[in-house]
């Protein structure tokens, strides 16, 4: 059983089409079919049922798939470990960040790329749910996000920052002069909110359930930057963490009066049990340095 064969098997299993798997792997379909056949002969059992142009994993194929994933990942971890012996000079780093945490990510990116210009960095933005799924599938090296309450505990987490929820609006909004806002008044205010799937939105929904609030939601969006842009018209407000509006001087952050602290905990998430690239740990160090520097600044009134 060769690693190459397991990789071919994995792609065919996931795509359920030999010709599509061959295209992704950049090999001929006949080569793929031959290698799968050799693997089946070695194991003495069929791994796929052939149904026209489609292939469907058999019970044996489905049983083998998680082992194939682990073998491929462990081989990649071994290659990465050897590359890391040469230091953080080259390679690829894939980091994920939720929209509301981008204000921490950008200065960390600047630090990291200045120190390690040979490392190619890919940044993926999305909701907490989307990115946690991608991290769990080994599509990211690390992730910066708030933690959804419903998240399962199969990832390694490092708490890095706490950020409070505020009512946020433009300084031209009719409520911009308030020193604080009650839940009752907040419920009657036209709001733009992040879509479901954002950790911040889940926190808002928990607040509504607990205090039996019915918010006046006019728009839902999956892009925090667009929400902030729309606030500048002076009509809308939103509810976001302080981190999401850290670099928006024309927006006003108004505390929400509530009997409990309205805070969200931000984390660095790592895939559990996998080798950590030196580039990933170096990037995490840059990120922590940025956050520590921001925490030492005086907080705005």
Protein backbone atom coordinates (compact mmCIF):
# COMPACT_ATOMS: atom_id res chain seq x y z
CA UNK A 1 0.00 0.00 0.00
CA UNK A 2 1.67 3.19 -1.21
CA UNK A 3 1.03 6.76 -0.11
CA UNK A 4 0.39 7.72 -3.73
CA UNK A 5 -2.34 5.08 -3.97
CA UNK A 6 -3.96 6.31 -0.76
CA UNK A 7 -3.98 9.85 -2.12
CA UNK A 8 -5.60 8.68 -5.36
CA UNK A 9 -8.12 6.66 -3.35
CA UNK A 10 -8.97 9.65 -1.12
CA UNK A 11 -9.65 11.96 -4.08
CA UNK A 12 -11.78 9.36 -5.85
CA UNK A 13 -13.70 8.74 -2.62
CA UNK A 14 -14.44 12.41 -2.06
CA UNK A 15 -15.25 13.31 -5.67
CA UNK A 16 -16.97 10.00 -6.53
CA UNK A 17 -15.81 10.29 -10.10
CA UNK A 18 -12.58 8.82 -11.48
CA UNK A 19 -12.23 11.29 -14.35
CA UNK A 20 -12.73 14.31 -12.04
CA UNK A 21 -10.30 12.88 -9.47
CA UNK A 22 -7.72 12.29 -12.22
CA UNK A 23 -8.12 15.89 -13.37
CA UNK A 24 -7.58 17.23 -9.83
CA UNK A 25 -4.54 14.98 -9.38
CA UNK A 26 -3.16 15.94 -12.81
CA UNK A 27 -2.86 12.32 -13.96
CA UNK A 28 -4.62 10.26 -16.60
CA UNK A 29 -7.81 8.41 -15.74
CA UNK A 30 -6.21 5.12 -16.78
CA UNK A 31 -3.37 5.69 -14.29
CA UNK A 32 -5.85 6.40 -11.51
CA UNK A 33 -7.96 3.35 -12.33
CA UNK A 34 -4.88 1.12 -12.48
CA UNK A 35 -3.58 2.30 -9.10
CA UNK A 36 -7.00 1.87 -7.44
CA UNK A 37 -7.24 -1.64 -8.93
CA UNK A 38 -3.77 -2.53 -7.57
CA UNK A 39 -4.81 -1.26 -4.12
CA UNK A 40 -7.98 -3.34 -4.23
CA UNK A 41 -6.01 -6.45 -5.28
CA UNK A 42 -3.51 -5.93 -2.46
CA UNK A 43 -6.31 -5.59 0.10
CA UNK A 44 -8.37 -8.35 -1.45
CA UNK A 45 -11.60 -6.36 -1.46
CA UNK A 46 -13.45 -3.87 -3.64
CA UNK A 47 -13.20 -0.26 -2.49
CA UNK A 48 -15.67 1.18 -5.01
CA UNK A 49 -18.89 0.19 -6.69
CA UNK A 50 -18.82 1.34 -10.32
CA UNK A 51 -22.20 2.78 -11.34
CA UNK A 52 -21.95 4.16 -14.87
CA UNK A 53 -19.56 7.11 -14.79
CA UNK A 54 -19.92 7.43 -11.02
CA UNK A 55 -18.09 5.51 -8.34
CA UNK A 56 -19.46 4.98 -4.83
CA UNK A 57 -17.23 3.85 -1.93
CA UNK A 58 -18.11 0.41 -0.61
CA UNK A 59 -18.32 -0.30 3.11
CA UNK A 60 -14.65 -1.27 2.98
CA UNK A 61 -13.81 1.97 1.13
CA UNK A 62 -15.57 4.09 3.74
CA UNK A 63 -13.77 2.20 6.50
CA UNK A 64 -10.38 2.83 4.85
CA UNK A 65 -10.95 6.55 4.18
CA UNK A 66 -10.14 7.95 7.68
CA UNK A 67 -6.93 5.88 7.77
CA UNK A 68 -5.96 7.25 4.35
CA UNK A 69 -6.58 10.79 5.60
CA UNK A 70 -4.35 10.22 8.64
CA UNK A 71 -1.55 8.61 6.62
CA UNK A 72 -1.52 11.48 4.11
CA UNK A 73 -1.59 14.09 6.88
CA UNK A 74 1.19 12.39 8.86
CA UNK A 75 3.34 12.21 5.74
CA UNK A 76 2.78 15.92 5.12
CA UNK A 77 3.59 16.66 8.77
CA UNK A 78 6.85 14.76 8.36
CA UNK A 79 7.78 16.71 5.23
CA UNK A 80 6.92 19.97 6.98
CA UNK A 81 9.05 19.03 9.99
CA UNK A 82 12.06 18.46 7.74
CA UNK A 83 11.44 21.77 5.94
CA UNK A 84 11.23 23.52 9.32
CA UNK A 85 14.72 22.33 10.22
CA UNK A 86 15.91 24.90 7.69
CA UNK A 87 14.10 27.67 9.60
CA UNK A 88 11.18 29.92 8.67
CA UNK A 89 12.50 31.02 5.31
CA UNK A 90 10.11 29.70 2.68
CA UNK A 91 6.87 27.78 2.40
CA UNK A 92 3.17 28.49 2.58
CA UNK A 93 1.02 29.55 5.53
CA UNK A 94 -2.79 29.49 5.46
CA UNK A 95 -4.49 31.49 8.21
CA UNK A 96 -8.17 32.13 8.81
CA UNK A 97 -9.81 35.13 10.46
CA UNK A 98 -13.39 36.15 11.14
CA UNK A 99 -14.52 39.54 9.88
CA UNK A 100 -14.73 41.05 13.36
CA UNK A 101 -11.12 40.11 14.21
CA UNK A 102 -9.44 41.49 11.09
CA UNK A 103 -8.22 44.59 12.98
CA UNK A 104 -5.82 42.32 14.91
CA UNK A 105 -4.81 40.27 11.88
CA UNK A 106 -3.68 43.11 9.59
CA UNK A 107 -0.85 44.52 11.76
CA UNK A 108 0.28 40.95 12.54
CA UNK A 109 0.47 40.25 8.80
CA UNK A 110 2.62 43.34 8.32
CA UNK A 111 5.04 42.25 11.05
CA UNK A 112 5.24 38.68 9.85
CA UNK A 113 5.81 39.42 6.16
CA UNK A 114 8.55 41.92 7.00
CA UNK A 115 10.35 39.30 9.10
CA UNK A 116 9.73 36.34 6.81
CA UNK A 117 9.36 37.68 3.25
CA UNK A 118 9.94 34.23 1.73
CA UNK A 119 6.81 32.72 3.29
CA UNK A 120 3.70 32.87 1.11
CA UNK A 121 0.70 33.77 3.30
CA UNK A 122 -2.89 32.97 2.33
CA UNK A 123 -5.66 34.62 4.38
CA UNK A 124 -9.23 33.31 4.35
CA UNK A 125 -12.07 35.36 5.86
CA UNK A 126 -15.46 33.96 6.78
CA UNK A 127 -17.87 33.25 9.59
CA UNK A 128 -16.80 31.34 12.69
CA UNK A 129 -18.74 28.27 11.55
CA UNK A 130 -17.23 28.25 8.05
CA UNK A 131 -13.66 28.70 9.26
CA UNK A 132 -13.89 26.21 12.11
CA UNK A 133 -15.08 23.62 9.60
CA UNK A 134 -12.17 24.48 7.29
CA UNK A 135 -9.71 24.21 10.18
CA UNK A 136 -11.17 20.86 11.19
CA UNK A 137 -10.66 19.65 7.62
CA UNK A 138 -6.97 20.72 7.78
CA UNK A 139 -7.58 23.54 5.33
CA UNK A 140 -6.04 26.13 7.69
CA UNK A 141 -2.86 26.19 9.77
CA UNK A 142 -4.43 28.41 12.43
CA UNK A 143 -7.53 30.50 12.97
CA UNK A 144 -8.35 33.73 14.81
CA UNK A 145 -12.01 33.83 15.83
CA UNK A 146 -14.52 34.28 18.58
CA UNK A 147 -15.75 30.95 19.90
CA UNK A 148 -19.35 29.92 19.22
CA UNK A 149 -21.06 28.48 22.27
CA UNK A 150 -22.07 25.35 20.35
CA UNK A 151 -18.55 24.53 19.16
CA UNK A 152 -17.32 21.00 19.88
CA UNK A 153 -14.05 20.62 21.78
CA UNK A 154 -11.97 18.82 19.15
CA UNK A 155 -9.68 21.78 18.45
CA UNK A 156 -6.90 23.31 20.53
CA UNK A 157 -7.70 26.83 21.73
CA UNK A 158 -5.62 29.66 23.18
CA UNK A 159 -7.59 32.60 24.65
CA UNK A 160 -6.07 35.84 23.42
CA UNK A 161 -8.51 38.74 23.78
CA UNK A 162 -11.87 39.66 25.29
CA UNK A 163 -14.02 42.19 23.50
CA UNK A 164 -17.26 43.79 24.69
CA UNK A 165 -20.42 44.10 22.61
CA UNK A 166 -21.50 47.69 21.88
CA UNK A 167 -24.28 49.46 20.08
CA UNK A 168 -22.36 51.02 17.18
CA UNK A 169 -23.48 53.84 14.92
CA UNK A 170 -22.19 56.87 13.03
CA UNK A 171 -21.63 60.12 14.90
CA UNK A 172 -24.49 61.68 12.84
CA UNK A 173 -27.04 59.14 14.15
CA UNK A 174 -29.81 60.53 16.38
CA UNK A 175 -28.63 58.33 19.30
CA UNK A 176 -24.90 59.01 18.91
CA UNK A 177 -24.78 61.36 21.92
CA UNK A 178 -26.00 58.69 24.37
CA UNK A 179 -23.59 57.62 27.07
CA UNK A 180 -25.32 54.21 27.19
CA UNK A 181 -28.40 52.52 25.75
CA UNK A 182 -31.04 50.37 27.43
CA UNK A 183 -32.15 47.04 25.98
CA UNK A 184 -35.66 48.43 25.48
CA UNK A 185 -34.41 51.38 23.44
CA UNK A 186 -32.02 49.13 21.54
CA UNK A 187 -34.90 46.85 20.54
CA UNK A 188 -36.75 49.80 18.97
CA UNK A 189 -33.74 50.99 16.93
CA UNK A 190 -33.35 49.97 13.24
CA UNK A 191 -30.36 47.62 13.05
CA UNK A 192 -28.08 45.95 10.53
CA UNK A 193 -26.77 42.69 11.98
CA UNK A 194 -24.23 40.08 10.88
CA UNK A 195 -25.86 36.99 9.40
CA UNK A 196 -26.38 33.80 11.36
CA UNK A 197 -23.15 31.83 11.53
CA UNK A 198 -21.18 34.72 13.04
CA UNK A 199 -20.21 34.18 16.69
CA UNK A 200 -21.30 37.77 17.43
CA UNK A 201 -24.76 37.07 15.99
CA UNK A 202 -25.09 33.98 18.17
CA UNK A 203 -24.24 36.06 21.24
CA UNK A 204 -26.89 38.62 20.25
CA UNK A 205 -29.49 35.88 19.80
CA UNK A 206 -28.67 34.47 23.24
CA UNK A 207 -29.20 37.95 24.70
CA UNK A 208 -32.56 38.25 22.94
CA UNK A 209 -33.75 34.87 24.20
CA UNK A 210 -32.68 35.57 27.76
CA UNK A 211 -34.32 38.98 27.99
CA UNK A 212 -37.19 38.26 25.58
CA UNK A 213 -36.09 40.96 23.17
CA UNK A 214 -37.40 41.38 19.65
CA UNK A 215 -34.89 43.51 17.74
CA UNK A 216 -35.79 45.71 14.75
CA UNK A 217 -33.53 44.07 12.15
CA UNK A 218 -33.80 45.72 8.73
CA UNK A 219 -30.72 44.18 7.06
CA UNK A 220 -28.59 41.08 7.62
CA UNK A 221 -25.18 40.85 5.94
CA UNK A 222 -22.21 38.50 5.85
CA UNK A 223 -19.64 41.30 5.56
CA UNK A 224 -18.84 43.44 8.60
CA UNK A 225 -16.98 46.03 6.49
CA UNK A 226 -20.12 46.66 4.42
CA UNK A 227 -22.17 46.98 7.61
CA UNK A 228 -19.76 49.63 8.88
CA UNK A 229 -19.97 51.45 5.54
CA UNK A 230 -23.78 51.52 5.67
CA UNK A 231 -23.70 53.00 9.18
CA UNK A 232 -22.16 56.15 7.73
CA UNK A 233 -25.52 57.10 6.25
CA UNK A 234 -26.61 58.00 9.79
CA UNK A 235 -29.80 55.92 9.89
CA UNK A 236 -28.70 52.44 10.93
CA UNK A 237 -27.08 51.06 14.05
CA UNK A 238 -25.55 47.66 14.72
CA UNK A 239 -24.29 45.49 17.56
CA UNK A 240 -20.65 44.45 17.25
CA UNK A 241 -17.62 43.78 19.39
CA UNK A 242 -15.21 46.58 20.14
CA UNK A 243 -12.58 44.65 18.16
CA UNK A 244 -14.65 44.93 14.99
CA UNK A 245 -14.67 48.73 15.08
CA UNK A 246 -11.25 49.35 16.60
CA UNK A 247 -10.01 51.47 13.67
CA UNK A 248 -13.22 53.38 12.83
CA UNK A 249 -12.88 56.86 14.40
CA UNK A 250 -16.12 58.20 12.85
CA UNK A 251 -18.21 55.48 14.49
CA UNK A 252 -19.51 55.74 18.04
CA UNK A 253 -19.42 52.80 20.47
CA UNK A 254 -22.21 53.03 23.03
CA UNK A 255 -22.29 50.63 26.01
CA UNK A 256 -25.41 48.47 26.31
CA UNK A 257 -26.98 48.52 29.77
CA UNK A 258 -27.36 44.93 30.87
CA UNK A 259 -27.22 42.99 34.13
CA UNK A 260 -24.44 40.76 32.79
CA UNK A 261 -21.16 41.48 30.98
CA UNK A 262 -21.67 41.44 27.20
CA UNK A 263 -18.26 40.15 26.28
CA UNK A 264 -16.98 37.67 23.71
CA UNK A 265 -13.75 35.71 24.06
CA UNK A 266 -11.42 35.62 21.09
CA UNK A 267 -9.18 32.60 20.54
CA UNK A 268 -6.41 31.23 18.43
CA UNK A 269 -7.58 27.86 17.17
CA UNK A 270 -5.19 25.08 16.16
CA UNK A 271 -5.91 21.68 14.60
CA UNK A 272 -5.67 19.13 17.38
CA UNK A 273 -2.81 16.66 17.42
CA UNK A 274 -1.15 17.85 14.21
CA UNK A 275 2.37 19.16 13.71
CA UNK A 276 2.51 22.96 13.90
CA UNK A 277 4.55 24.65 11.22
CA UNK A 278 7.26 26.96 12.51
CA UNK A 279 5.75 29.63 10.26
CA UNK A 280 2.40 29.19 12.04
CA UNK A 281 3.91 29.54 15.52
CA UNK A 282 5.94 32.56 14.35
CA UNK A 283 2.77 34.16 13.00
CA UNK A 284 0.99 33.45 16.28
CA UNK A 285 3.83 35.21 18.12
CA UNK A 286 3.40 38.27 15.90
CA UNK A 287 -0.34 38.24 16.53
CA UNK A 288 0.05 38.00 20.31
CA UNK A 289 2.58 40.85 20.27
CA UNK A 290 0.12 43.04 18.36
CA UNK A 291 -2.71 42.27 20.79
CA UNK A 292 -0.52 42.90 23.82
CA UNK A 293 0.52 46.24 22.33
CA UNK A 294 -3.10 47.25 21.73
CA UNK A 295 -4.10 46.26 25.26
CA UNK A 296 -1.52 48.69 26.68
CA UNK A 297 -3.09 51.64 24.85
CA UNK A 298 -5.48 53.86 26.78
CA UNK A 299 -9.09 52.82 26.17
CA UNK A 300 -11.37 55.44 24.53
CA UNK A 301 -13.98 57.22 26.65
